[in-house]
Amino acid sequence: MAMVANNVILEAQADFAVNLLREAVDVNKSASVIISPVSVAIALSMVYAGAKEKTAEEIASVIAKGLG
């Protein structure tokens, strides 16, 4: 059971990272882009800890898509 939960979390994190990088490249097609998906996820997780209601739901849907 724990292995399945870990796989789901890893897939959610990988999905977030890939989507973030794709969006960053799409927005900045002519520029070099350096971004850390892990740092962004950690920052959003800290914001999520203090978020309420709709904001918390929206953050959770971005950083943990499919979890819950």
N, C-alpha and C. Protein backbone atom coordinates (compact mmCIF):
# COMPACT_ATOMS: atom_id res chain seq x y z
N MET A 1 0.83 -1.20 0.00
CA MET A 1 0.00 0.00 0.00
C MET A 1 0.87 1.26 0.00
N ALA A 2 1.92 1.29 0.82
CA ALA A 2 2.79 2.46 0.89
C ALA A 2 3.51 2.68 -0.44
N MET A 3 3.87 1.58 -1.11
CA MET A 3 4.55 1.69 -2.40
C MET A 3 3.64 2.33 -3.44
N VAL A 4 2.36 1.97 -3.43
CA VAL A 4 1.40 2.55 -4.36
C VAL A 4 1.25 4.05 -4.08
N ALA A 5 1.14 4.42 -2.81
CA ALA A 5 1.01 5.84 -2.44
C ALA A 5 2.24 6.62 -2.89
N ASN A 6 3.42 6.04 -2.70
CA ASN A 6 4.65 6.71 -3.13
C ASN A 6 4.67 6.92 -4.64
N ASN A 7 4.22 5.91 -5.39
CA ASN A 7 4.19 6.03 -6.85
C ASN A 7 3.23 7.13 -7.29
N VAL A 8 2.09 7.23 -6.64
CA VAL A 8 1.11 8.27 -6.98
C VAL A 8 1.70 9.65 -6.72
N ILE A 9 2.38 9.81 -5.60
CA ILE A 9 3.01 11.08 -5.25
C ILE A 9 4.11 11.42 -6.26
N LEU A 10 4.93 10.44 -6.60
CA LEU A 10 5.99 10.67 -7.58
C LEU A 10 5.43 11.06 -8.94
N GLU A 11 4.35 10.40 -9.35
CA GLU A 11 3.73 10.74 -10.62
C GLU A 11 3.15 12.16 -10.60
N ALA A 12 2.53 12.54 -9.49
CA ALA A 12 1.99 13.90 -9.37
C ALA A 12 3.10 14.93 -9.42
N GLN A 13 4.22 14.67 -8.75
CA GLN A 13 5.34 15.60 -8.76
C GLN A 13 5.96 15.70 -10.14
N ALA A 14 6.10 14.57 -10.81
CA ALA A 14 6.67 14.57 -12.16
C ALA A 14 5.76 15.31 -13.13
N ASP A 15 4.46 15.09 -13.01
CA ASP A 15 3.48 15.78 -13.85
C ASP A 15 3.57 17.29 -13.66
N PHE A 16 3.65 17.72 -12.41
CA PHE A 16 3.79 19.15 -12.10
C PHE A 16 5.06 19.71 -12.74
N ALA A 17 6.17 19.01 -12.57
CA ALA A 17 7.46 19.48 -13.09
C ALA A 17 7.43 19.62 -14.61
N VAL A 18 6.92 18.62 -15.29
CA VAL A 18 6.87 18.65 -16.75
C VAL A 18 5.96 19.77 -17.23
N ASN A 19 4.79 19.90 -16.61
CA ASN A 19 3.87 20.97 -17.02
C ASN A 19 4.46 22.35 -16.78
N LEU A 20 5.14 22.53 -15.65
CA LEU A 20 5.77 23.81 -15.34
C LEU A 20 6.84 24.16 -16.37
N LEU A 21 7.68 23.19 -16.69
CA LEU A 21 8.75 23.43 -17.66
C LEU A 21 8.19 23.71 -19.05
N ARG A 22 7.16 22.98 -19.44
CA ARG A 22 6.53 23.24 -20.75
C ARG A 22 5.97 24.65 -20.81
N GLU A 23 5.28 25.05 -19.76
CA GLU A 23 4.69 26.39 -19.72
C GLU A 23 5.78 27.46 -19.76
N ALA A 24 6.86 27.26 -19.02
CA ALA A 24 7.95 28.23 -19.00
C ALA A 24 8.58 28.38 -20.38
N VAL A 25 8.74 27.29 -21.09
CA VAL A 25 9.32 27.33 -22.43
C VAL A 25 8.34 27.97 -23.41
N ASP A 26 7.05 27.63 -23.30
CA ASP A 26 6.05 28.22 -24.19
C ASP A 26 5.97 29.73 -24.05
N VAL A 27 6.08 30.22 -22.83
CA VAL A 27 5.97 31.66 -22.57
C VAL A 27 7.24 32.38 -23.03
N ASN A 28 8.38 31.73 -22.93
CA ASN A 28 9.67 32.36 -23.24
C ASN A 28 10.36 31.64 -24.39
N LYS A 29 9.71 31.54 -25.52
CA LYS A 29 10.25 30.76 -26.65
C LYS A 29 11.62 31.23 -27.12
N SER A 30 11.89 32.51 -27.07
CA SER A 30 13.15 33.01 -27.61
C SER A 30 14.22 33.23 -26.55
N ALA A 31 13.94 32.85 -25.31
CA ALA A 31 14.90 33.08 -24.23
C ALA A 31 15.32 31.76 -23.59
N SER A 32 16.47 31.76 -22.97
CA SER A 32 16.89 30.62 -22.18
C SER A 32 16.14 30.67 -20.86
N VAL A 33 15.70 29.51 -20.40
CA VAL A 33 14.91 29.44 -19.19
C VAL A 33 15.59 28.51 -18.19
N ILE A 34 15.78 29.02 -16.99
CA ILE A 34 16.28 28.19 -15.90
C ILE A 34 15.25 28.27 -14.79
N ILE A 35 14.70 27.12 -14.42
CA ILE A 35 13.67 27.09 -13.40
C ILE A 35 13.78 25.76 -12.65
N SER A 36 13.51 25.79 -11.37
CA SER A 36 13.56 24.60 -10.55
C SER A 36 12.15 24.19 -10.14
N PRO A 37 11.60 23.15 -10.78
CA PRO A 37 10.26 22.70 -10.40
C PRO A 37 10.15 22.32 -8.92
N VAL A 38 11.21 21.78 -8.36
CA VAL A 38 11.19 21.40 -6.94
C VAL A 38 11.06 22.65 -6.07
N SER A 39 11.81 23.69 -6.38
CA SER A 39 11.73 24.93 -5.60
C SER A 39 10.34 25.57 -5.71
N VAL A 40 9.76 25.54 -6.91
CA VAL A 40 8.42 26.10 -7.09
C VAL A 40 7.40 25.28 -6.31
N ALA A 41 7.53 23.96 -6.35
CA ALA A 41 6.60 23.09 -5.61
C ALA A 41 6.72 23.32 -4.10
N ILE A 42 7.94 23.49 -3.61
CA ILE A 42 8.13 23.75 -2.18
C ILE A 42 7.52 25.09 -1.80
N ALA A 43 7.75 26.11 -2.60
CA ALA A 43 7.17 27.43 -2.32
C ALA A 43 5.64 27.37 -2.33
N LEU A 44 5.06 26.70 -3.31
CA LEU A 44 3.61 26.56 -3.37
C LEU A 44 3.07 25.76 -2.18
N SER A 45 3.84 24.78 -1.74
CA SER A 45 3.43 23.98 -0.57
C SER A 45 3.38 24.84 0.68
N MET A 46 4.33 25.77 0.81
CA MET A 46 4.31 26.67 1.97
C MET A 46 3.12 27.62 1.90
N VAL A 47 2.82 28.11 0.70
CA VAL A 47 1.66 28.97 0.53
C VAL A 47 0.37 28.18 0.83
N TYR A 48 0.33 26.94 0.36
CA TYR A 48 -0.83 26.08 0.58
C TYR A 48 -1.12 25.89 2.07
N ALA A 49 -0.07 25.82 2.87
CA ALA A 49 -0.24 25.62 4.32
C ALA A 49 -1.05 26.74 4.95
N GLY A 50 -0.99 27.93 4.40
CA GLY A 50 -1.73 29.05 4.95
C GLY A 50 -2.98 29.42 4.16
N ALA A 51 -3.20 28.71 3.07
CA ALA A 51 -4.35 29.02 2.21
C ALA A 51 -5.64 28.40 2.75
N LYS A 52 -6.75 28.99 2.37
CA LYS A 52 -8.05 28.50 2.81
C LYS A 52 -8.98 28.36 1.61
N GLU A 53 -9.93 27.50 1.74
CA GLU A 53 -11.04 27.30 0.81
C GLU A 53 -10.59 27.19 -0.64
N LYS A 54 -11.11 28.07 -1.49
CA LYS A 54 -10.90 27.98 -2.94
C LYS A 54 -9.41 28.07 -3.31
N THR A 55 -8.69 28.93 -2.63
CA THR A 55 -7.25 29.09 -2.92
C THR A 55 -6.52 27.79 -2.62
N ALA A 56 -6.82 27.19 -1.47
CA ALA A 56 -6.18 25.92 -1.11
C ALA A 56 -6.52 24.83 -2.12
N GLU A 57 -7.77 24.79 -2.56
CA GLU A 57 -8.18 23.80 -3.57
C GLU A 57 -7.43 23.99 -4.88
N GLU A 58 -7.28 25.24 -5.30
CA GLU A 58 -6.59 25.52 -6.56
C GLU A 58 -5.11 25.17 -6.48
N ILE A 59 -4.46 25.50 -5.39
CA ILE A 59 -3.05 25.17 -5.22
C ILE A 59 -2.88 23.65 -5.21
N ALA A 60 -3.73 22.97 -4.46
CA ALA A 60 -3.65 21.50 -4.39
C ALA A 60 -3.85 20.87 -5.76
N SER A 61 -4.73 21.43 -6.57
CA SER A 61 -4.97 20.86 -7.90
C SER A 61 -3.76 21.04 -8.81
N VAL A 62 -2.95 22.05 -8.54
CA VAL A 62 -1.76 22.30 -9.36
C VAL A 62 -0.58 21.44 -8.90
N ILE A 63 -0.32 21.41 -7.60
CA ILE A 63 0.88 20.71 -7.12
C ILE A 63 0.65 19.23 -6.83
N ALA A 64 -0.58 18.84 -6.69
CA ALA A 64 -0.85 17.43 -6.36
C ALA A 64 -2.01 16.90 -7.19
N LYS A 65 -1.98 17.16 -8.47
CA LYS A 65 -3.05 16.72 -9.36
C LYS A 65 -3.28 15.21 -9.21
N GLY A 66 -4.51 14.84 -8.99
CA GLY A 66 -4.84 13.43 -8.88
C GLY A 66 -4.74 12.86 -7.48
N LEU A 67 -4.23 13.65 -6.54
CA LEU A 67 -4.15 13.17 -5.16
C LEU A 67 -5.35 13.69 -4.40
N GLY A 68 -5.76 12.96 -3.41
CA GLY A 68 -6.83 13.49 -2.58
C GLY A 68 -7.91 12.57 -2.46
